[in-house]
């Protein structure tokens, strides 16, 4: 396996893994943290979960850029991946964008 194809494989793997983790963090915010904040009046969980989700979202966008630059992902597929990250459960369909 050449160095470029090895790098591409690692970027694809990171894209899929970070996408899934980011998706789980989004679901945690929507279905756990927000209800706890508003029902139990404990906003701390949103601060922590929101920070973690924010870091993961930025990492996910960075992997989309890496996919465009290193792997050759089309802009259309990149936009689809980005839009999927905004929809609950969307990132679990990322593999289909490849």
PDB file of N, CA and C in Angstrom:
ATOM      1  N   UNK A   1       0.850  -1.177   0.000  1.00  0.00           N
ATOM      2  CA  UNK A   1       0.000   0.000   0.000  1.00  0.00           C
ATOM      3  C   UNK A   1       0.892   1.235   0.000  1.00  0.00           C
ATOM      4  N   UNK A   2       0.618   2.152  -0.891  1.00  0.00           N
ATOM      5  CA  UNK A   2       1.440   3.361  -0.974  1.00  0.00           C
ATOM      6  C   UNK A   2       1.135   4.289   0.197  1.00  0.00           C
ATOM      7  N   UNK A   3       2.037   5.236   0.394  1.00  0.00           N
ATOM      8  CA  UNK A   3       1.877   6.180   1.501  1.00  0.00           C
ATOM      9  C   UNK A   3       0.608   7.017   1.335  1.00  0.00           C
ATOM     10  N   UNK A   4       0.313   7.436   0.102  1.00  0.00           N
ATOM     11  CA  UNK A   4      -0.885   8.249  -0.155  1.00  0.00           C
ATOM     12  C   UNK A   4      -2.159   7.455   0.099  1.00  0.00           C
ATOM     13  N   UNK A   5      -2.204   6.204  -0.351  1.00  0.00           N
ATOM     14  CA  UNK A   5      -3.409   5.410  -0.126  1.00  0.00           C
ATOM     15  C   UNK A   5      -3.573   5.062   1.344  1.00  0.00           C
ATOM     16  N   UNK A   6      -2.464   4.899   2.054  1.00  0.00           N
ATOM     17  CA  UNK A   6      -2.526   4.660   3.495  1.00  0.00           C
ATOM     18  C   UNK A   6      -3.070   5.893   4.214  1.00  0.00           C
ATOM     19  N   UNK A   7      -2.601   7.071   3.799  1.00  0.00           N
ATOM     20  CA  UNK A   7      -3.092   8.325   4.372  1.00  0.00           C
ATOM     21  C   UNK A   7      -4.575   8.491   4.073  1.00  0.00           C
ATOM     22  N   UNK A   8      -4.979   8.201   2.850  1.00  0.00           N
ATOM     23  CA  UNK A   8      -6.388   8.305   2.475  1.00  0.00           C
ATOM     24  C   UNK A   8      -7.248   7.364   3.303  1.00  0.00           C
ATOM     25  N   UNK A   9      -6.783   6.140   3.498  1.00  0.00           N
ATOM     26  CA  UNK A   9      -7.532   5.174   4.303  1.00  0.00           C
ATOM     27  C   UNK A   9      -7.680   5.665   5.738  1.00  0.00           C
ATOM     28  N   UNK A  10      -6.624   6.259   6.286  1.00  0.00           N
ATOM     29  CA  UNK A  10      -6.688   6.788   7.652  1.00  0.00           C
ATOM     30  C   UNK A  10      -7.656   7.961   7.751  1.00  0.00           C
ATOM     31  N   UNK A  11      -7.666   8.812   6.742  1.00  0.00           N
ATOM     32  CA  UNK A  11      -8.581   9.958   6.744  1.00  0.00           C
ATOM     33  C   UNK A  11     -10.027   9.482   6.638  1.00  0.00           C
ATOM     34  N   UNK A  12     -10.278   8.513   5.787  1.00  0.00           N
ATOM     35  CA  UNK A  12     -11.633   7.964   5.660  1.00  0.00           C
ATOM     36  C   UNK A  12     -12.073   7.346   6.979  1.00  0.00           C
ATOM     37  N   UNK A  13     -11.187   6.597   7.601  1.00  0.00           N
ATOM     38  CA  UNK A  13     -11.498   5.978   8.894  1.00  0.00           C
ATOM     39  C   UNK A  13     -11.813   7.053   9.935  1.00  0.00           C
ATOM     40  N   UNK A  14     -10.986   8.104   9.995  1.00  0.00           N
ATOM     41  CA  UNK A  14     -11.211   9.200  10.946  1.00  0.00           C
ATOM     42  C   UNK A  14     -12.542   9.894  10.660  1.00  0.00           C
ATOM     43  N   UNK A  15     -12.840  10.116   9.384  1.00  0.00           N
ATOM     44  CA  UNK A  15     -14.096  10.747   8.974  1.00  0.00           C
ATOM     45  C   UNK A  15     -15.296   9.958   9.504  1.00  0.00           C
ATOM     46  N   UNK A  16     -15.268   8.648   9.331  1.00  0.00           N
ATOM     47  CA  UNK A  16     -16.385   7.812   9.767  1.00  0.00           C
ATOM     48  C   UNK A  16     -16.474   7.722  11.286  1.00  0.00           C
ATOM     49  N   UNK A  17     -15.340   7.571  11.954  1.00  0.00           N
ATOM     50  CA  UNK A  17     -15.341   7.442  13.415  1.00  0.00           C
ATOM     51  C   UNK A  17     -15.743   8.754  14.079  1.00  0.00           C
ATOM     52  N   UNK A  18     -15.120   9.849  13.672  1.00  0.00           N
ATOM     53  CA  UNK A  18     -15.460  11.146  14.267  1.00  0.00           C
ATOM     54  C   UNK A  18     -16.912  11.495  13.959  1.00  0.00           C
ATOM     55  N   UNK A  19     -17.372  11.157  12.774  1.00  0.00           N
ATOM     56  CA  UNK A  19     -18.772  11.398  12.425  1.00  0.00           C
ATOM     57  C   UNK A  19     -19.726  10.670  13.352  1.00  0.00           C
ATOM     58  N   UNK A  20     -19.431   9.413  13.649  1.00  0.00           N
ATOM     59  CA  UNK A  20     -20.292   8.651  14.560  1.00  0.00           C
ATOM     60  C   UNK A  20     -20.262   9.229  15.968  1.00  0.00           C
ATOM     61  N   UNK A  21     -19.066   9.526  16.461  1.00  0.00           N
ATOM     62  CA  UNK A  21     -18.946  10.074  17.815  1.00  0.00           C
ATOM     63  C   UNK A  21     -19.650  11.427  17.895  1.00  0.00           C
ATOM     64  N   UNK A  22     -19.477  12.260  16.873  1.00  0.00           N
ATOM     65  CA  UNK A  22     -20.152  13.561  16.831  1.00  0.00           C
ATOM     66  C   UNK A  22     -21.666  13.360  16.821  1.00  0.00           C
ATOM     67  N   UNK A  23     -22.135  12.368  16.090  1.00  0.00           N
ATOM     68  CA  UNK A  23     -23.565  12.064  16.053  1.00  0.00           C
ATOM     69  C   UNK A  23     -24.101  11.647  17.409  1.00  0.00           C
ATOM     70  N   UNK A  24     -23.350  10.809  18.110  1.00  0.00           N
ATOM     71  CA  UNK A  24     -23.762  10.406  19.456  1.00  0.00           C
ATOM     72  C   UNK A  24     -23.787  11.602  20.399  1.00  0.00           C
ATOM     73  N   UNK A  25     -22.807  12.490  20.278  1.00  0.00           N
ATOM     74  CA  UNK A  25     -22.782  13.659  21.166  1.00  0.00           C
ATOM     75  C   UNK A  25     -23.973  14.576  20.882  1.00  0.00           C
ATOM     76  N   UNK A  26     -24.369  14.679  19.618  1.00  0.00           N
ATOM     77  CA  UNK A  26     -25.533  15.488  19.252  1.00  0.00           C
ATOM     78  C   UNK A  26     -26.808  14.883  19.845  1.00  0.00           C
ATOM     79  N   UNK A  27     -26.941  13.575  19.732  1.00  0.00           N
ATOM     80  CA  UNK A  27     -28.110  12.902  20.308  1.00  0.00           C
ATOM     81  C   UNK A  27     -28.137  13.054  21.822  1.00  0.00           C
ATOM     82  N   UNK A  28     -26.964  12.965  22.456  1.00  0.00           N
ATOM     83  CA  UNK A  28     -26.881  13.169  23.903  1.00  0.00           C
ATOM     84  C   UNK A  28     -27.392  14.564  24.263  1.00  0.00           C
ATOM     85  N   UNK A  29     -26.953  15.566  23.515  1.00  0.00           N
ATOM     86  CA  UNK A  29     -27.410  16.934  23.787  1.00  0.00           C
ATOM     87  C   UNK A  29     -28.922  17.060  23.628  1.00  0.00           C
ATOM     88  N   UNK A  30     -29.453  16.519  22.550  1.00  0.00           N
ATOM     89  CA  UNK A  30     -30.879  16.670  22.265  1.00  0.00           C
ATOM     90  C   UNK A  30     -31.780  15.885  23.204  1.00  0.00           C
ATOM     91  N   UNK A  31     -31.393  14.638  23.497  1.00  0.00           N
ATOM     92  CA  UNK A  31     -32.308  13.747  24.202  1.00  0.00           C
ATOM     93  C   UNK A  31     -31.977  13.502  25.669  1.00  0.00           C
ATOM     94  N   UNK A  32     -30.818  13.965  26.118  1.00  0.00           N
ATOM     95  CA  UNK A  32     -30.457  13.817  27.532  1.00  0.00           C
ATOM     96  C   UNK A  32     -30.212  15.190  28.156  1.00  0.00           C
ATOM     97  N   UNK A  33     -29.243  15.914  27.626  1.00  0.00           N
ATOM     98  CA  UNK A  33     -28.827  17.171  28.256  1.00  0.00           C
ATOM     99  C   UNK A  33     -29.931  18.228  28.254  1.00  0.00           C
ATOM    100  N   UNK A  34     -30.593  18.419  27.133  1.00  0.00           N
ATOM    101  CA  UNK A  34     -31.639  19.446  27.077  1.00  0.00           C
ATOM    102  C   UNK A  34     -32.821  19.121  27.996  1.00  0.00           C
ATOM    103  N   UNK A  35     -33.327  17.892  28.008  1.00  0.00           N
ATOM    104  CA  UNK A  35     -34.394  17.597  28.974  1.00  0.00           C
ATOM    105  C   UNK A  35     -33.946  17.783  30.429  1.00  0.00           C
ATOM    106  N   UNK A  36     -32.720  17.376  30.740  1.00  0.00           N
ATOM    107  CA  UNK A  36     -32.218  17.565  32.109  1.00  0.00           C
ATOM    108  C   UNK A  36     -32.152  19.054  32.433  1.00  0.00           C
ATOM    109  N   UNK A  37     -31.706  19.840  31.483  1.00  0.00           N
ATOM    110  CA  UNK A  37     -31.606  21.291  31.702  1.00  0.00           C
ATOM    111  C   UNK A  37     -32.977  21.902  31.993  1.00  0.00           C
ATOM    112  N   UNK A  38     -33.958  21.567  31.201  1.00  0.00           N
ATOM    113  CA  UNK A  38     -35.257  22.225  31.322  1.00  0.00           C
ATOM    114  C   UNK A  38     -36.225  21.545  32.286  1.00  0.00           C
ATOM    115  N   UNK A  39     -36.118  20.254  32.465  1.00  0.00           N
ATOM    116  CA  UNK A  39     -37.026  19.561  33.382  1.00  0.00           C
ATOM    117  C   UNK A  39     -36.479  19.568  34.805  1.00  0.00           C
ATOM    118  N   UNK A  40     -35.191  19.260  34.944  1.00  0.00           N
ATOM    119  CA  UNK A  40     -34.576  19.202  36.274  1.00  0.00           C
ATOM    120  C   UNK A  40     -33.848  20.490  36.653  1.00  0.00           C
ATOM    121  N   UNK A  41     -33.845  21.457  35.746  1.00  0.00           N
ATOM    122  CA  UNK A  41     -33.206  22.760  35.992  1.00  0.00           C
ATOM    123  C   UNK A  41     -31.732  22.622  36.357  1.00  0.00           C
ATOM    124  N   UNK A  42     -31.023  21.808  35.582  1.00  0.00           N
ATOM    125  CA  UNK A  42     -29.585  21.606  35.782  1.00  0.00           C
ATOM    126  C   UNK A  42     -28.862  21.899  34.466  1.00  0.00           C
ATOM    127  N   UNK A  43     -28.491  23.170  34.255  1.00  0.00           N
ATOM    128  CA  UNK A  43     -27.873  23.545  32.982  1.00  0.00           C
ATOM    129  C   UNK A  43     -26.420  23.098  32.825  1.00  0.00           C
ATOM    130  N   UNK A  44     -25.806  22.623  33.891  1.00  0.00           N
ATOM    131  CA  UNK A  44     -24.392  22.241  33.827  1.00  0.00           C
ATOM    132  C   UNK A  44     -24.128  21.161  32.785  1.00  0.00           C
ATOM    133  N   UNK A  45     -25.042  20.231  32.651  1.00  0.00           N
ATOM    134  CA  UNK A  45     -24.837  19.118  31.721  1.00  0.00           C
ATOM    135  C   UNK A  45     -24.772  19.614  30.270  1.00  0.00           C
ATOM    136  N   UNK A  46     -25.517  20.679  29.965  1.00  0.00           N
ATOM    137  CA  UNK A  46     -25.477  21.233  28.609  1.00  0.00           C
ATOM    138  C   UNK A  46     -24.150  21.943  28.369  1.00  0.00           C
ATOM    139  N   UNK A  47     -23.631  22.603  29.389  1.00  0.00           N
ATOM    140  CA  UNK A  47     -22.340  23.284  29.235  1.00  0.00           C
ATOM    141  C   UNK A  47     -21.237  22.283  28.919  1.00  0.00           C
ATOM    142  N   UNK A  48     -21.207  21.199  29.654  1.00  0.00           N
ATOM    143  CA  UNK A  48     -20.172  20.179  29.444  1.00  0.00           C
ATOM    144  C   UNK A  48     -20.406  19.450  28.118  1.00  0.00           C
ATOM    145  N   UNK A  49     -21.626  18.951  27.932  1.00  0.00           N
ATOM    146  CA  UNK A  49     -21.948  18.225  26.705  1.00  0.00           C
ATOM    147  C   UNK A  49     -21.833  19.096  25.468  1.00  0.00           C
ATOM    148  N   UNK A  50     -22.218  20.356  25.597  1.00  0.00           N
ATOM    149  CA  UNK A  50     -22.131  21.280  24.471  1.00  0.00           C
ATOM    150  C   UNK A  50     -20.701  21.567  24.060  1.00  0.00           C
ATOM    151  N   UNK A  51     -19.829  21.687  25.059  1.00  0.00           N
ATOM    152  CA  UNK A  51     -18.414  21.912  24.765  1.00  0.00           C
ATOM    153  C   UNK A  51     -17.817  20.710  24.044  1.00  0.00           C
ATOM    154  N   UNK A  52     -18.110  19.530  24.556  1.00  0.00           N
ATOM    155  CA  UNK A  52     -17.600  18.306  23.928  1.00  0.00           C
ATOM    156  C   UNK A  52     -18.137  18.187  22.499  1.00  0.00           C
ATOM    157  N   UNK A  53     -19.426  18.423  22.340  1.00  0.00           N
ATOM    158  CA  UNK A  53     -20.027  18.347  21.007  1.00  0.00           C
ATOM    159  C   UNK A  53     -19.407  19.384  20.069  1.00  0.00           C
ATOM    160  N   UNK A  54     -19.169  20.577  20.571  1.00  0.00           N
ATOM    161  CA  UNK A  54     -18.565  21.626  19.749  1.00  0.00           C
ATOM    162  C   UNK A  54     -17.190  21.246  19.236  1.00  0.00           C
ATOM    163  N   UNK A  55     -16.379  20.678  20.110  1.00  0.00           N
ATOM    164  CA  UNK A  55     -15.035  20.232  19.708  1.00  0.00           C
ATOM    165  C   UNK A  55     -15.148  19.122  18.662  1.00  0.00           C
ATOM    166  N   UNK A  56     -16.051  18.188  18.896  1.00  0.00           N
ATOM    167  CA  UNK A  56     -16.236  17.093  17.941  1.00  0.00           C
ATOM    168  C   UNK A  56     -16.762  17.597  16.596  1.00  0.00           C
ATOM    169  N   UNK A  57     -17.640  18.591  16.623  1.00  0.00           N
ATOM    170  CA  UNK A  57     -18.172  19.143  15.378  1.00  0.00           C
ATOM    171  C   UNK A  57     -17.066  19.816  14.566  1.00  0.00           C
ATOM    172  N   UNK A  58     -16.217  20.579  15.248  1.00  0.00           N
ATOM    173  CA  UNK A  58     -15.094  21.223  14.554  1.00  0.00           C
ATOM    174  C   UNK A  58     -14.160  20.161  13.974  1.00  0.00           C
ATOM    175  N   UNK A  59     -13.904  19.100  14.743  1.00  0.00           N
ATOM    176  CA  UNK A  59     -13.054  18.008  14.251  1.00  0.00           C
ATOM    177  C   UNK A  59     -13.698  17.341  13.034  1.00  0.00           C
ATOM    178  N   UNK A  60     -15.012  17.185  13.069  1.00  0.00           N
ATOM    179  CA  UNK A  60     -15.712  16.575  11.942  1.00  0.00           C
ATOM    180  C   UNK A  60     -15.601  17.443  10.688  1.00  0.00           C
ATOM    181  N   UNK A  61     -15.784  18.741  10.838  1.00  0.00           N
ATOM    182  CA  UNK A  61     -15.645  19.650   9.692  1.00  0.00           C
ATOM    183  C   UNK A  61     -14.214  19.589   9.154  1.00  0.00           C
ATOM    184  N   UNK A  62     -13.235  19.482  10.050  1.00  0.00           N
ATOM    185  CA  UNK A  62     -11.836  19.359   9.615  1.00  0.00           C
ATOM    186  C   UNK A  62     -11.629  18.073   8.817  1.00  0.00           C
ATOM    187  N   UNK A  63     -12.290  16.990   9.230  1.00  0.00           N
ATOM    188  CA  UNK A  63     -12.142  15.744   8.467  1.00  0.00           C
ATOM    189  C   UNK A  63     -12.839  15.843   7.112  1.00  0.00           C
ATOM    190  N   UNK A  64     -13.918  16.612   7.033  1.00  0.00           N
ATOM    191  CA  UNK A  64     -14.548  16.836   5.723  1.00  0.00           C
ATOM    192  C   UNK A  64     -13.564  17.553   4.805  1.00  0.00           C
ATOM    193  N   UNK A  65     -12.903  18.574   5.333  1.00  0.00           N
ATOM    194  CA  UNK A  65     -11.905  19.296   4.529  1.00  0.00           C
ATOM    195  C   UNK A  65     -10.768  18.368   4.110  1.00  0.00           C
ATOM    196  N   UNK A  66     -10.323  17.512   5.025  1.00  0.00           N
ATOM    197  CA  UNK A  66      -9.271  16.545   4.692  1.00  0.00           C
ATOM    198  C   UNK A  66      -9.749  15.574   3.617  1.00  0.00           C
ATOM    199  N   UNK A  67     -11.012  15.192   3.692  1.00  0.00           N
ATOM    200  CA  UNK A  67     -11.567  14.299   2.671  1.00  0.00           C
ATOM    201  C   UNK A  67     -11.561  14.978   1.301  1.00  0.00           C
ATOM    202  N   UNK A  68     -11.858  16.263   1.259  1.00  0.00           N
ATOM    203  CA  UNK A  68     -11.853  16.997  -0.011  1.00  0.00           C
ATOM    204  C   UNK A  68     -10.429  17.093  -0.556  1.00  0.00           C
ATOM    205  N   UNK A  69      -9.501  17.494   0.306  1.00  0.00           N
ATOM    206  CA  UNK A  69      -8.129  17.766  -0.129  1.00  0.00           C
ATOM    207  C   UNK A  69      -7.341  16.489  -0.416  1.00  0.00           C
ATOM    208  N   UNK A  70      -7.382  15.537   0.498  1.00  0.00           N
ATOM    209  CA  UNK A  70      -6.527  14.353   0.396  1.00  0.00           C
ATOM    210  C   UNK A  70      -7.170  13.184  -0.343  1.00  0.00           C
ATOM    211  N   UNK A  71      -8.468  13.005  -0.146  1.00  0.00           N
ATOM    212  CA  UNK A  71      -9.131  11.821  -0.696  1.00  0.00           C
ATOM    213  C   UNK A  71      -9.831  12.136  -2.019  1.00  0.00           C
ATOM    214  N   UNK A  72     -10.158  13.404  -2.241  1.00  0.00           N
ATOM    215  CA  UNK A  72     -10.834  13.780  -3.475  1.00  0.00           C
ATOM    216  C   UNK A  72     -12.345  13.722  -3.392  1.00  0.00           C
ATOM    217  N   UNK A  73     -12.890  13.859  -2.196  1.00  0.00           N
ATOM    218  CA  UNK A  73     -14.342  13.888  -2.038  1.00  0.00           C
ATOM    219  C   UNK A  73     -14.890  15.088  -2.814  1.00  0.00           C
ATOM    220  N   UNK A  74     -15.979  14.873  -3.527  1.00  0.00           N
ATOM    221  CA  UNK A  74     -16.576  15.967  -4.290  1.00  0.00           C
ATOM    222  C   UNK A  74     -17.228  16.966  -3.337  1.00  0.00           C
ATOM    223  N   UNK A  75     -17.371  18.192  -3.804  1.00  0.00           N
ATOM    224  CA  UNK A  75     -18.023  19.211  -2.977  1.00  0.00           C
ATOM    225  C   UNK A  75     -19.471  18.839  -2.685  1.00  0.00           C
ATOM    226  N   UNK A  76     -20.114  18.202  -3.622  1.00  0.00           N
ATOM    227  CA  UNK A  76     -21.507  17.771  -3.402  1.00  0.00           C
ATOM    228  C   UNK A  76     -21.586  16.765  -2.250  1.00  0.00           C
ATOM    229  N   UNK A  77     -20.698  15.789  -2.256  1.00  0.00           N
ATOM    230  CA  UNK A  77     -20.686  14.796  -1.178  1.00  0.00           C
ATOM    231  C   UNK A  77     -20.267  15.434   0.142  1.00  0.00           C
ATOM    232  N   UNK A  78     -19.348  16.388   0.083  1.00  0.00           N
ATOM    233  CA  UNK A  78     -18.916  17.084   1.298  1.00  0.00           C
ATOM    234  C   UNK A  78     -20.072  17.882   1.897  1.00  0.00           C
ATOM    235  N   UNK A  79     -20.833  18.553   1.046  1.00  0.00           N
ATOM    236  CA  UNK A  79     -21.996  19.309   1.530  1.00  0.00           C
ATOM    237  C   UNK A  79     -23.047  18.369   2.112  1.00  0.00           C
ATOM    238  N   UNK A  80     -23.229  17.226   1.483  1.00  0.00           N
ATOM    239  CA  UNK A  80     -24.169  16.240   2.006  1.00  0.00           C
ATOM    240  C   UNK A  80     -23.723  15.772   3.388  1.00  0.00           C
ATOM    241  N   UNK A  81     -22.436  15.486   3.548  1.00  0.00           N
ATOM    242  CA  UNK A  81     -21.914  15.066   4.850  1.00  0.00           C
ATOM    243  C   UNK A  81     -22.143  16.155   5.890  1.00  0.00           C
ATOM    244  N   UNK A  82     -21.909  17.408   5.515  1.00  0.00           N
ATOM    245  CA  UNK A  82     -22.125  18.522   6.439  1.00  0.00           C
ATOM    246  C   UNK A  82     -23.595  18.622   6.833  1.00  0.00           C
ATOM    247  N   UNK A  83     -24.488  18.547   5.859  1.00  0.00           N
ATOM    248  CA  UNK A  83     -25.927  18.629   6.147  1.00  0.00           C
ATOM    249  C   UNK A  83     -26.360  17.466   7.033  1.00  0.00           C
ATOM    250  N   UNK A  84     -25.833  16.275   6.774  1.00  0.00           N
ATOM    251  CA  UNK A  84     -26.165  15.122   7.613  1.00  0.00           C
ATOM    252  C   UNK A  84     -25.759  15.351   9.063  1.00  0.00           C
ATOM    253  N   UNK A  85     -24.683  16.102   9.278  1.00  0.00           N
ATOM    254  CA  UNK A  85     -24.236  16.355  10.653  1.00  0.00           C
ATOM    255  C   UNK A  85     -25.184  17.287  11.399  1.00  0.00           C
ATOM    256  N   UNK A  86     -26.061  17.972  10.692  1.00  0.00           N
ATOM    257  CA  UNK A  86     -27.019  18.884  11.323  1.00  0.00           C
ATOM    258  C   UNK A  86     -28.346  18.206  11.646  1.00  0.00           C
ATOM    259  N   UNK A  87     -28.529  17.008  11.135  1.00  0.00           N
ATOM    260  CA  UNK A  87     -29.774  16.265  11.314  1.00  0.00           C
ATOM    261  C   UNK A  87     -29.549  15.167  12.355  1.00  0.00           C
ATOM    262  N   UNK A  88     -30.432  15.074  13.371  1.00  0.00           N
ATOM    263  CA  UNK A  88     -30.280  13.971  14.325  1.00  0.00           C
ATOM    264  C   UNK A  88     -30.255  12.625  13.593  1.00  0.00           C
ATOM    265  N   UNK A  89     -29.337  11.775  13.976  1.00  0.00           N
ATOM    266  CA  UNK A  89     -29.098  10.455  13.386  1.00  0.00           C
ATOM    267  C   UNK A  89     -28.467  10.530  11.990  1.00  0.00           C
ATOM    268  N   UNK A  90     -28.252  11.715  11.472  1.00  0.00           N
ATOM    269  CA  UNK A  90     -27.736  11.882  10.117  1.00  0.00           C
ATOM    270  C   UNK A  90     -26.343  11.330   9.909  1.00  0.00           C
ATOM    271  N   UNK A  91     -25.465  11.524  10.878  1.00  0.00           N
ATOM    272  CA  UNK A  91     -24.079  11.086  10.683  1.00  0.00           C
ATOM    273  C   UNK A  91     -23.944   9.565  10.645  1.00  0.00           C
ATOM    274  N   UNK A  92     -24.987   8.864  11.028  1.00  0.00           N
ATOM    275  CA  UNK A  92     -24.916   7.405  10.969  1.00  0.00           C
ATOM    276  C   UNK A  92     -25.072   6.894   9.531  1.00  0.00           C
ATOM    277  N   UNK A  93     -25.331   7.798   8.598  1.00  0.00           N
ATOM    278  CA  UNK A  93     -25.449   7.449   7.182  1.00  0.00           C
ATOM    279  C   UNK A  93     -24.264   7.950   6.366  1.00  0.00           C
ATOM    280  N   UNK A  94     -23.192   8.357   7.030  1.00  0.00           N
ATOM    281  CA  UNK A  94     -22.037   8.921   6.335  1.00  0.00           C
ATOM    282  C   UNK A  94     -21.385   7.956   5.362  1.00  0.00           C
ATOM    283  N   UNK A  95     -21.365   6.687   5.712  1.00  0.00           N
ATOM    284  CA  UNK A  95     -20.699   5.712   4.845  1.00  0.00           C
ATOM    285  C   UNK A  95     -21.324   5.711   3.449  1.00  0.00           C
ATOM    286  N   UNK A  96     -22.609   6.023   3.380  1.00  0.00           N
ATOM    287  CA  UNK A  96     -23.293   6.050   2.085  1.00  0.00           C
ATOM    288  C   UNK A  96     -22.868   7.249   1.245  1.00  0.00           C
ATOM    289  N   UNK A  97     -22.260   8.275   1.866  1.00  0.00           N
ATOM    290  CA  UNK A  97     -21.808   9.439   1.099  1.00  0.00           C
ATOM    291  C   UNK A  97     -20.498   9.158   0.379  1.00  0.00           C
ATOM    292  N   UNK A  98     -19.812   8.085   0.752  1.00  0.00           N
ATOM    293  CA  UNK A  98     -18.542   7.762   0.109  1.00  0.00           C
ATOM    294  C   UNK A  98     -18.839   7.083  -1.189  1.00  0.00           C
TER     295      UNK A  98
END
